[in-house]
Protein backbone atom coordinates (compact mmCIF):
# COMPACT_ATOMS: atom_id res chain seq x y z
CA UNK A 1 2.20 -23.53 -0.68
CA UNK A 2 3.89 -25.94 -3.09
CA UNK A 3 3.90 -23.32 -5.88
CA UNK A 4 5.51 -20.79 -3.57
CA UNK A 5 8.24 -23.18 -2.51
CA UNK A 6 8.86 -24.11 -6.14
CA UNK A 7 9.28 -20.45 -7.12
CA UNK A 8 11.53 -19.91 -4.13
CA UNK A 9 13.75 -22.83 -5.09
CA UNK A 10 14.01 -21.64 -8.71
CA UNK A 11 14.96 -18.09 -7.72
CA UNK A 12 17.53 -19.17 -5.16
CA UNK A 13 19.00 -21.84 -7.44
CA UNK A 14 19.46 -19.28 -10.21
CA UNK A 15 21.04 -16.88 -7.75
CA UNK A 16 23.50 -19.44 -6.44
CA UNK A 17 24.49 -20.66 -9.90
CA UNK A 18 25.16 -17.14 -11.14
CA UNK A 19 26.99 -15.95 -8.02
CA UNK A 20 28.37 -19.11 -6.45
CA UNK A 21 31.97 -17.82 -6.48
CA UNK A 22 31.26 -15.08 -3.96
CA UNK A 23 28.31 -16.70 -2.23
CA UNK A 24 30.09 -19.90 -1.17
CA UNK A 25 33.20 -18.05 0.07
CA UNK A 26 31.66 -15.78 2.66
CA UNK A 27 33.88 -14.88 5.65
CA UNK A 28 32.63 -16.62 8.79
CA UNK A 29 35.62 -16.01 11.06
CA UNK A 30 38.86 -14.13 11.54
CA UNK A 31 41.47 -14.64 8.84
CA UNK A 32 45.20 -14.86 9.41
CA UNK A 33 47.65 -12.42 7.87
CA UNK A 34 48.80 -13.51 4.47
CA UNK A 35 51.39 -12.54 1.92
CA UNK A 36 50.12 -9.80 -0.37
CA UNK A 37 48.23 -10.83 -3.48
CA UNK A 38 49.83 -10.71 -6.89
CA UNK A 39 47.93 -9.42 -9.88
CA UNK A 40 48.03 -10.72 -13.44
CA UNK A 41 50.23 -7.77 -14.26
CA UNK A 42 52.70 -8.78 -11.51
CA UNK A 43 53.15 -12.14 -13.22
CA UNK A 44 53.84 -10.35 -16.52
CA UNK A 45 56.62 -8.38 -14.85
CA UNK A 46 58.12 -11.63 -13.58
CA UNK A 47 58.24 -13.05 -17.11
CA UNK A 48 59.93 -10.08 -18.79
CA UNK A 49 63.27 -10.99 -20.40
CA UNK A 50 66.45 -9.94 -18.59
CA UNK A 51 67.90 -6.53 -19.51
CA UNK A 52 71.33 -6.05 -21.03
CA UNK A 53 72.12 -3.92 -17.96
CA UNK A 54 69.76 -2.94 -15.11
CA UNK A 55 69.00 0.79 -14.93
CA UNK A 56 69.65 2.64 -11.69
CA UNK A 57 66.46 4.62 -11.06
CA UNK A 58 65.49 7.09 -8.39
CA UNK A 59 61.91 7.73 -7.26
CA UNK A 60 61.50 10.79 -5.05
CA UNK A 61 57.74 10.93 -4.93
CA UNK A 62 55.05 9.12 -6.86
CA UNK A 63 51.88 10.31 -5.20
CA UNK A 64 48.16 10.77 -5.41
CA UNK A 65 47.67 13.98 -7.40
CA UNK A 66 43.88 13.85 -7.39
CA UNK A 67 43.32 15.13 -3.84
CA UNK A 68 40.08 13.19 -3.84
CA UNK A 69 38.35 11.91 -0.71
CA UNK A 70 36.11 8.90 -0.32
CA UNK A 71 32.47 9.54 -1.11
CA UNK A 72 29.92 8.42 1.47
CA UNK A 73 26.13 8.61 1.52
CA UNK A 74 25.90 10.95 4.49
CA UNK A 75 28.31 13.19 6.34
CA UNK A 76 31.92 13.89 5.45
CA UNK A 77 35.16 11.97 5.58
CA UNK A 78 38.84 12.86 5.44
CA UNK A 79 39.86 9.42 4.18
CA UNK A 80 41.42 9.63 0.74
CA UNK A 81 39.95 7.67 -2.16
CA UNK A 82 43.38 6.47 -3.32
CA UNK A 83 46.26 4.93 -1.39
CA UNK A 84 49.02 7.36 -0.39
CA UNK A 85 51.65 4.63 -0.74
CA UNK A 86 51.99 4.70 -4.52
CA UNK A 87 55.76 5.34 -4.27
CA UNK A 88 56.25 2.07 -2.40
CA UNK A 89 54.13 0.21 -4.96
CA UNK A 90 56.17 1.66 -7.82
CA UNK A 91 59.50 0.69 -6.22
CA UNK A 92 58.32 -2.90 -5.77
CA UNK A 93 57.15 -3.01 -9.39
CA UNK A 94 60.58 -1.79 -10.52
CA UNK A 95 62.24 -4.55 -8.51
CA UNK A 96 59.85 -7.22 -9.81
CA UNK A 97 60.64 -6.30 -13.41
CA UNK A 98 64.42 -6.88 -12.90
CA UNK A 99 65.03 -3.99 -15.31
CA UNK A 100 65.70 -1.36 -12.63
CA UNK A 101 67.85 -0.97 -9.53
CA UNK A 102 65.76 1.43 -7.47
CA UNK A 103 67.66 3.58 -4.98
CA UNK A 104 66.27 5.25 -1.87
CA UNK A 105 65.18 8.81 -2.50
CA UNK A 106 61.77 9.17 -0.85
CA UNK A 107 63.33 9.33 2.65
CA UNK A 108 66.78 10.47 1.64
CA UNK A 109 67.26 12.59 4.79
CA UNK A 110 66.85 9.55 6.98
CA UNK A 111 69.47 7.69 4.95
CA UNK A 112 71.95 10.59 5.10
CA UNK A 113 71.45 11.03 8.84
CA UNK A 114 72.10 7.36 9.43
CA UNK A 115 75.26 7.48 7.35
CA UNK A 116 76.49 10.46 9.39
CA UNK A 117 75.83 8.55 12.61
CA UNK A 118 77.79 5.55 11.32
CA UNK A 119 80.68 7.75 10.16
CA UNK A 120 80.92 9.74 13.42
CA UNK A 121 80.67 6.59 15.56
CA UNK A 122 83.48 4.90 13.65
CA UNK A 123 85.73 7.93 13.99
CA UNK A 124 85.00 8.37 17.69
CA UNK A 125 85.54 4.76 18.71
CA UNK A 126 88.29 3.85 16.30
CA UNK A 127 91.31 2.26 18.03
CA UNK A 128 94.75 3.75 17.42
CA UNK A 129 96.06 0.61 15.78
CA UNK A 130 92.92 0.08 13.65
CA UNK A 131 93.69 0.77 9.99
CA UNK A 132 90.15 0.08 8.69
CA UNK A 133 88.66 2.97 6.70
CA UNK A 134 86.07 5.15 8.37
CA UNK A 135 84.50 6.26 5.13
CA UNK A 136 81.36 4.56 3.84
CA UNK A 137 80.86 3.30 0.33
CA UNK A 138 79.64 6.04 -1.99
CA UNK A 139 75.93 6.28 -2.64
CA UNK A 140 74.67 5.16 -6.02
CA UNK A 141 73.42 7.96 -8.24
CA UNK A 142 70.45 7.52 -10.55
CA UNK A 143 70.73 7.36 -14.31
CA UNK A 144 67.08 8.27 -14.61
CA UNK A 145 64.41 9.68 -12.34
CA UNK A 146 60.91 8.26 -12.43
CA UNK A 147 58.21 10.87 -11.86
CA UNK A 148 54.44 11.08 -12.14
CA UNK A 149 51.55 9.85 -10.05
CA UNK A 150 47.88 8.94 -9.94
CA UNK A 151 46.37 11.83 -11.86
CA UNK A 152 42.65 11.02 -11.81
CA UNK A 153 40.03 9.01 -9.98
CA UNK A 154 36.69 9.12 -11.80
CA UNK A 155 33.71 7.82 -9.85
CA UNK A 156 30.58 6.28 -11.35
CA UNK A 157 31.69 6.39 -14.96
CA UNK A 158 29.14 3.63 -15.51
CA UNK A 159 26.30 2.44 -13.28
CA UNK A 160 23.39 0.15 -13.89
CA UNK A 161 21.48 -2.91 -12.83
CA UNK A 162 18.49 -5.12 -13.41
CA UNK A 163 15.77 -6.69 -11.32
CA UNK A 164 12.39 -8.33 -11.32
CA UNK A 165 9.72 -9.04 -8.75
CA UNK A 166 6.52 -11.04 -9.04
CA UNK A 167 4.07 -11.62 -6.22
CA UNK A 168 6.67 -10.89 -3.58
CA UNK A 169 9.40 -13.06 -5.16
CA UNK A 170 12.27 -11.31 -6.89
CA UNK A 171 15.88 -10.32 -7.12
CA UNK A 172 18.09 -7.55 -8.41
CA UNK A 173 21.67 -6.78 -9.31
CA UNK A 174 23.51 -3.47 -9.44
CA UNK A 175 26.98 -2.46 -10.54
CA UNK A 176 29.19 0.60 -10.49
CA UNK A 177 32.46 1.26 -12.28
CA UNK A 178 35.14 3.76 -11.30
CA UNK A 179 38.44 4.46 -13.06
CA UNK A 180 41.95 5.55 -12.07
CA UNK A 181 44.64 6.89 -14.40
CA UNK A 182 48.39 6.73 -13.76
CA UNK A 183 51.12 8.71 -15.54
CA UNK A 184 54.80 7.68 -15.39
CA UNK A 185 57.73 9.47 -17.01
CA UNK A 186 61.47 8.77 -17.18
CA UNK A 187 63.80 11.78 -16.89
CA UNK A 188 67.52 11.71 -17.74
CA UNK A 189 69.61 12.95 -14.78
CA UNK A 190 72.48 14.01 -17.05
CA UNK A 191 70.46 16.27 -19.37
CA UNK A 192 67.05 16.69 -17.68
CA UNK A 193 65.35 15.48 -20.84
CA UNK A 194 62.05 13.65 -20.46
CA UNK A 195 62.93 10.42 -22.23
CA UNK A 196 59.50 8.80 -22.25
CA UNK A 197 56.02 9.36 -20.81
CA UNK A 198 53.37 6.65 -20.54
CA UNK A 199 49.95 6.49 -18.99
CA UNK A 200 47.67 3.62 -18.00
CA UNK A 201 44.05 3.48 -16.83
CA UNK A 202 42.32 0.78 -14.79
CA UNK A 203 38.64 0.36 -13.92
CA UNK A 204 37.37 -0.55 -10.45
CA UNK A 205 34.20 -2.64 -10.33
CA UNK A 206 31.62 -2.83 -7.54
CA UNK A 207 28.70 -5.28 -7.69
CA UNK A 208 25.68 -6.00 -5.51
CA UNK A 209 23.23 -8.90 -5.84
CA UNK A 210 20.20 -9.64 -3.69
CA UNK A 211 17.28 -12.06 -3.76
CA UNK A 212 14.19 -11.84 -1.55
CA UNK A 213 10.85 -13.49 -0.89
CA UNK A 214 7.96 -11.76 0.89
CA UNK A 215 4.79 -13.78 0.72
CA UNK A 216 1.81 -14.97 2.80
CA UNK A 217 2.00 -18.75 2.58
CA UNK A 218 -1.07 -19.32 4.74
CA UNK A 219 -3.58 -17.43 6.81
CA UNK A 220 -1.65 -15.11 9.13
CA UNK A 221 1.61 -16.82 8.19
CA UNK A 222 4.12 -14.62 6.44
CA UNK A 223 7.30 -16.00 4.87
CA UNK A 224 10.10 -13.50 4.44
CA UNK A 225 13.55 -14.54 3.16
CA UNK A 226 16.38 -12.46 1.73
CA UNK A 227 20.03 -12.94 0.90
CA UNK A 228 22.67 -11.22 -1.15
CA UNK A 229 26.21 -9.94 -1.29
CA UNK A 230 28.29 -6.99 -2.43
CA UNK A 231 31.72 -7.16 -4.04
CA UNK A 232 34.07 -4.17 -4.28
CA UNK A 233 37.33 -4.45 -6.16
CA UNK A 234 40.07 -3.11 -3.83
CA UNK A 235 41.25 0.31 -4.95
CA UNK A 236 44.79 -0.49 -3.79
CA UNK A 237 44.91 -3.54 -6.08
CA UNK A 238 43.71 -1.42 -8.98
CA UNK A 239 46.42 1.19 -8.30
CA UNK A 240 49.01 -1.59 -8.05
CA UNK A 241 47.97 -3.14 -11.34
CA UNK A 242 47.94 0.23 -13.12
CA UNK A 243 51.44 1.09 -11.83
CA UNK A 244 52.80 -2.34 -12.78
CA UNK A 245 51.34 -1.96 -16.26
CA UNK A 246 52.92 1.48 -16.61
CA UNK A 247 56.33 0.00 -15.69
CA UNK A 248 55.92 -2.70 -18.34
CA UNK A 249 54.89 -0.15 -20.98
CA UNK A 250 57.81 2.13 -20.05
CA UNK A 251 60.26 -0.76 -20.51
CA UNK A 252 58.86 -1.74 -23.91
CA UNK A 253 58.64 1.87 -25.11
CA UNK A 254 62.29 2.29 -24.14
CA UNK A 255 63.21 -0.83 -26.11
CA UNK A 256 61.26 0.49 -29.10
CA UNK A 257 63.12 3.83 -29.00
CA UNK A 258 66.47 2.05 -28.38
CA UNK A 259 66.97 3.65 -24.97
CA UNK A 260 67.81 0.21 -23.53
CA UNK A 261 67.85 -3.38 -24.68
CA UNK A 262 67.25 -6.95 -23.58
CA UNK A 263 70.16 -9.26 -22.85
CA UNK A 264 69.18 -11.41 -25.85
CA UNK A 265 69.66 -8.63 -28.38
CA UNK A 266 67.84 -7.32 -31.42
CA UNK A 267 65.79 -10.41 -32.23
CA UNK A 268 64.19 -10.49 -28.80
CA UNK A 269 63.71 -6.74 -28.85
CA UNK A 270 61.78 -6.97 -32.11
CA UNK A 271 59.58 -9.78 -30.78
CA UNK A 272 58.63 -7.81 -27.67
CA UNK A 273 58.00 -4.58 -29.60
CA UNK A 274 55.82 -6.34 -32.20
CA UNK A 275 53.64 -7.88 -29.46
CA UNK A 276 53.35 -4.49 -27.79
CA UNK A 277 52.40 -2.68 -31.00
CA UNK A 278 49.67 -5.24 -31.65
CA UNK A 279 48.31 -4.72 -28.13
CA UNK A 280 48.54 -0.95 -28.56
CA UNK A 281 46.60 -1.08 -31.82
CA UNK A 282 43.78 -2.95 -30.10
CA UNK A 283 43.80 -0.54 -27.15
CA UNK A 284 43.74 2.53 -29.40
CA UNK A 285 40.70 1.14 -31.20
CA UNK A 286 38.87 0.58 -27.90
CA UNK A 287 36.77 3.36 -26.44
CA UNK A 288 36.16 4.41 -22.85
CA UNK A 289 33.48 1.80 -22.20
CA UNK A 290 35.42 -1.11 -23.75
CA UNK A 291 33.85 -0.43 -27.15
CA UNK A 292 35.87 -1.62 -30.13
CA UNK A 293 36.30 1.26 -32.55
CA UNK A 294 36.57 0.67 -36.30
CA UNK A 295 38.16 3.05 -38.81
CA UNK A 296 35.47 2.74 -41.50
CA UNK A 297 37.59 4.49 -44.10
CA UNK A 298 35.50 3.50 -47.12
CA UNK A 299 33.15 6.17 -48.40
CA UNK A 300 31.08 4.00 -50.78
CA UNK A 301 28.62 1.25 -49.83
CA UNK A 302 26.59 -1.09 -52.05
CA UNK A 303 23.63 -2.94 -50.54
CA UNK A 304 21.46 -5.90 -51.45
CA UNK A 305 18.55 -6.89 -49.23
CA UNK A 306 15.58 -9.24 -48.97
CA UNK A 307 12.59 -9.15 -46.72
CA UNK A 308 8.84 -8.76 -46.39
CA UNK A 309 6.24 -6.06 -47.12
CA UNK A 310 2.90 -5.45 -45.38
CA UNK A 311 0.18 -3.10 -46.63
CA UNK A 312 -1.93 -1.01 -44.25
CA UNK A 313 -4.96 0.11 -46.25
CA UNK A 314 -8.73 -0.20 -46.30
CA UNK A 315 -8.73 -4.00 -46.19
CA UNK A 316 -8.40 -5.81 -42.90
CA UNK A 317 -6.70 -8.84 -44.47
CA UNK A 318 -3.18 -7.55 -45.10
CA UNK A 319 -0.65 -10.39 -45.45
CA UNK A 320 3.16 -10.29 -45.42
CA UNK A 321 4.61 -10.72 -48.90
CA UNK A 322 7.97 -10.66 -50.68
CA UNK A 323 10.35 -7.75 -51.05
CA UNK A 324 13.86 -7.26 -52.48
CA UNK A 325 16.03 -4.23 -52.97
CA UNK A 326 19.31 -2.67 -54.07
CA UNK A 327 20.96 0.41 -52.67
CA UNK A 328 24.00 2.66 -52.74
CA UNK A 329 25.18 5.31 -50.31
CA UNK A 330 28.08 7.74 -50.08
CA UNK A 331 29.44 8.91 -46.74
CA UNK A 332 29.80 12.65 -46.44
CA UNK A 333 31.03 12.38 -42.87
CA UNK A 334 31.23 9.21 -40.74
CA UNK A 335 27.76 9.81 -39.32
CA UNK A 336 25.92 11.08 -42.40
CA UNK A 337 25.38 9.38 -45.77
CA UNK A 338 23.34 10.08 -48.90
CA UNK A 339 22.41 7.61 -51.59
CA UNK A 340 19.73 5.93 -53.65
CA UNK A 341 17.40 3.03 -52.99
CA UNK A 342 15.54 0.72 -55.38
CA UNK A 343 12.92 -1.80 -54.17
CA UNK A 344 10.52 -4.24 -55.76
CA UNK A 345 7.82 -5.78 -53.59
CA UNK A 346 4.30 -7.15 -53.57
CA UNK A 347 1.51 -5.69 -51.45
CA UNK A 348 -1.04 -8.33 -50.49
CA UNK A 349 -4.28 -6.69 -49.36
CA UNK A 350 -6.48 -9.73 -49.90
CA UNK A 351 -6.26 -13.08 -51.77
CA UNK A 352 -7.50 -11.31 -54.93
CA UNK A 353 -5.67 -8.01 -54.46
CA UNK A 354 -1.93 -8.64 -54.45
CA UNK A 355 0.16 -6.68 -56.91
CA UNK A 356 3.78 -5.78 -57.59
CA UNK A 357 5.21 -2.34 -56.93
CA UNK A 358 8.52 -0.59 -57.55
CA UNK A 359 9.95 2.30 -55.54
CA UNK A 360 12.90 4.58 -56.23
CA UNK A 361 14.12 6.93 -53.52
CA UNK A 362 16.86 9.35 -52.51
CA UNK A 363 18.09 8.32 -49.09
CA UNK A 364 19.57 10.39 -46.26
CA UNK A 365 20.95 8.23 -43.44
CA UNK A 366 22.28 9.01 -39.97
CA UNK A 367 24.57 6.41 -38.37
CA UNK A 368 24.63 7.00 -34.61
CA UNK A 369 27.88 5.09 -33.83
CA UNK A 370 29.86 4.93 -37.08
CA UNK A 371 33.04 3.58 -35.47
CA UNK A 372 31.35 0.79 -33.47
CA UNK A 373 30.86 -2.76 -34.64
CA UNK A 374 27.12 -2.55 -33.85
CA UNK A 375 25.38 0.73 -34.55
CA UNK A 376 21.78 1.99 -34.75
CA UNK A 377 20.85 4.00 -37.82
CA UNK A 378 17.94 6.18 -38.90
CA UNK A 379 17.01 7.43 -42.34
CA UNK A 380 14.46 9.23 -44.48
CA UNK A 381 14.00 8.61 -48.21
CA UNK A 382 11.60 10.63 -50.38
CA UNK A 383 10.91 9.10 -53.77
CA UNK A 384 8.45 7.70 -56.28
CA UNK A 385 6.20 4.64 -55.94
CA UNK A 386 5.29 2.92 -59.24
CA UNK A 387 2.53 0.35 -59.87
CA UNK A 388 4.20 -2.45 -61.88
CA UNK A 389 1.46 -5.02 -62.45
CA UNK A 390 -0.36 -6.00 -65.69
CA UNK A 391 -3.60 -6.96 -63.93
CA UNK A 392 -6.62 -4.88 -65.10
CA UNK A 393 -7.79 -2.74 -62.18
CA UNK A 394 -10.43 -0.11 -61.72
CA UNK A 395 -8.34 2.60 -60.08
CA UNK A 396 -4.77 1.66 -61.05
CA UNK A 397 -2.93 1.32 -64.32
CA UNK A 398 0.54 0.05 -65.01
CA UNK A 399 3.29 2.54 -64.10
CA UNK A 400 0.94 4.83 -62.20
CA UNK A 401 3.20 6.86 -59.93
CA UNK A 402 2.77 8.26 -56.42
CA UNK A 403 4.97 10.34 -54.15
CA UNK A 404 6.40 8.16 -51.40
CA UNK A 405 8.26 8.97 -48.16
CA UNK A 406 10.18 6.30 -46.28
CA UNK A 407 11.02 6.67 -42.57
CA UNK A 408 13.21 3.86 -41.30
CA UNK A 409 15.42 2.62 -38.48
CA UNK A 410 17.73 -0.34 -38.16
CA UNK A 411 20.94 -1.89 -36.89
CA UNK A 412 24.21 -2.35 -38.78
CA UNK A 413 26.77 -4.94 -37.68
CA UNK A 414 30.28 -4.83 -39.14
CA UNK A 415 31.77 -8.26 -39.80
CA UNK A 416 34.96 -6.76 -41.27
CA UNK A 417 36.17 -3.48 -42.75
CA UNK A 418 34.37 -4.21 -46.02
CA UNK A 419 31.39 -6.39 -45.05
CA UNK A 420 28.46 -5.59 -42.76
CA UNK A 421 24.91 -6.79 -42.22
CA UNK A 422 21.94 -4.49 -41.86
CA UNK A 423 18.54 -5.20 -40.32
CA UNK A 424 15.90 -2.51 -40.74
CA UNK A 425 12.23 -1.65 -40.79
CA UNK A 426 10.43 1.10 -42.73
CA UNK A 427 7.17 2.98 -42.52
CA UNK A 428 6.15 4.21 -45.99
CA UNK A 429 3.77 7.12 -46.44
CA UNK A 430 2.17 7.12 -49.92
CA UNK A 431 -0.12 10.21 -49.75
CA UNK A 432 -2.73 8.25 -51.72
CA UNK A 433 -5.73 6.04 -50.96
CA UNK A 434 -5.40 4.05 -54.22
CA UNK A 435 -2.55 1.75 -53.22
CA UNK A 436 -4.87 -1.10 -52.22
CA UNK A 437 -7.20 -0.32 -55.21
CA UNK A 438 -9.97 0.61 -52.81
CA UNK A 439 -10.09 4.42 -52.43
CA UNK A 440 -13.02 4.48 -50.00
CA UNK A 441 -11.25 4.85 -46.70
CA UNK A 442 -10.93 7.87 -44.47
CA UNK A 443 -7.15 8.01 -44.66
CA UNK A 444 -4.29 7.38 -47.09
CA UNK A 445 -2.74 3.94 -47.47
CA UNK A 446 0.56 3.01 -45.87
CA UNK A 447 2.85 0.03 -46.08
CA UNK A 448 5.70 -1.40 -44.01
CA UNK A 449 8.83 -3.23 -45.12
CA UNK A 450 11.25 -5.35 -43.10
CA UNK A 451 14.54 -6.54 -44.57
CA UNK A 452 17.92 -8.08 -43.89
CA UNK A 453 20.69 -6.77 -46.12
CA UNK A 454 24.35 -7.23 -46.95
CA UNK A 455 26.58 -4.16 -47.30
CA UNK A 456 29.84 -4.06 -49.23
CA UNK A 457 32.08 -1.05 -48.51
CA UNK A 458 34.53 0.02 -51.17
CA UNK A 459 36.61 2.92 -52.37
CA UNK A 460 40.15 4.10 -51.73
CA UNK A 461 41.44 3.41 -48.23
CA UNK A 462 43.62 6.52 -48.52
CA UNK A 463 40.51 8.66 -48.78
CA UNK A 464 40.01 8.97 -45.04
CA UNK A 465 37.81 11.34 -43.14
CA UNK A 466 39.49 14.21 -41.36
CA UNK A 467 38.23 12.91 -38.02
CA UNK A 468 40.26 9.71 -38.49
CA UNK A 469 43.53 11.33 -39.54
């Protein structure tokens, strides 16, 4: 009983520590209406510098162009996956930025009808001695039109989770990620030219966590406890943040192309554009799943490595021993490289049988994710294995050679454009039973090597691969 309660306390304590933000703020009653939430992007719009002159902008329709409906486990639904009020969100974002004076165009007929009512009422009830004008002030006309919409809603672009259960005690977590994409373009009303087009994407995260206990704590006494929660990022907030970001990007892109300017002039313009270009460079080097992409323009790589070697022969007393190596490889394409490999190592079969060997190989390597900071790699390297020991042996003489085939796998981690670390392991097929100096087994001898290496990438940066141009 005590052990069960201890396990229960540990599981629940871990759960609460990891998820206390959501767990301790569960709704237990009705909540009052509140002013709408602001996103981090809303605050960025508030802090934008003032424009030299606000731009009069018209928005006729900024709508959901996906036509997508909410997905449910069973049955059908006619509820849309994305808010249909994107035009209203865009107009508010334009106002928050202080760079635009949005004018009413979505319900223009209502505005014109109301103006006609006002005009006719004034004319009908105007007194003979009243000299006040019956005409209304002219409507503002837009310098630019803002068009576009929500062009995609991708569901389940990434799903996953983890869990564990032991003797009825366990927990699990699951997550799902969706993504929306927004396009926004500015069109000149005088020429019809599309001045600038920008697009922004935003992920929507859903998480579920649960912990449970199902255990007999005594004879005919069953303890069953479970708790958990689910968090879904509001789709409307994601749409709002994406639209607000697109407004910010449109403003900065316009400053960069000298379509408009800040009130503070060229110096402030340059500061804003430089910050934006730095952010853009980071975003362009980031993949769909928030993976940081590297250019890896250098074709040549030199390697030095140190590690251990282990023989697998007829003896049962194989011991790890020393190994060092040098290597070079040339990238044909980002994923594929060829090169050479030189290693010196000692194979320790027994306390009396431990001798030095040298191997020289031609290496063909496949890098699975060449533009990622961390990438798995696989390679094969046929070559020659040379016995390099002066000790008098019965079956081996100095510089005896054997055909050798290396099959290896590893991980490469890029510290910078020029420096990376490589951790790998190799299985070496020798096609000979003499490697341990005991050719009485039923199979050939093998050996394994494990090493940690340092790679230095060099060559002309201008010599880029076509895929990176």
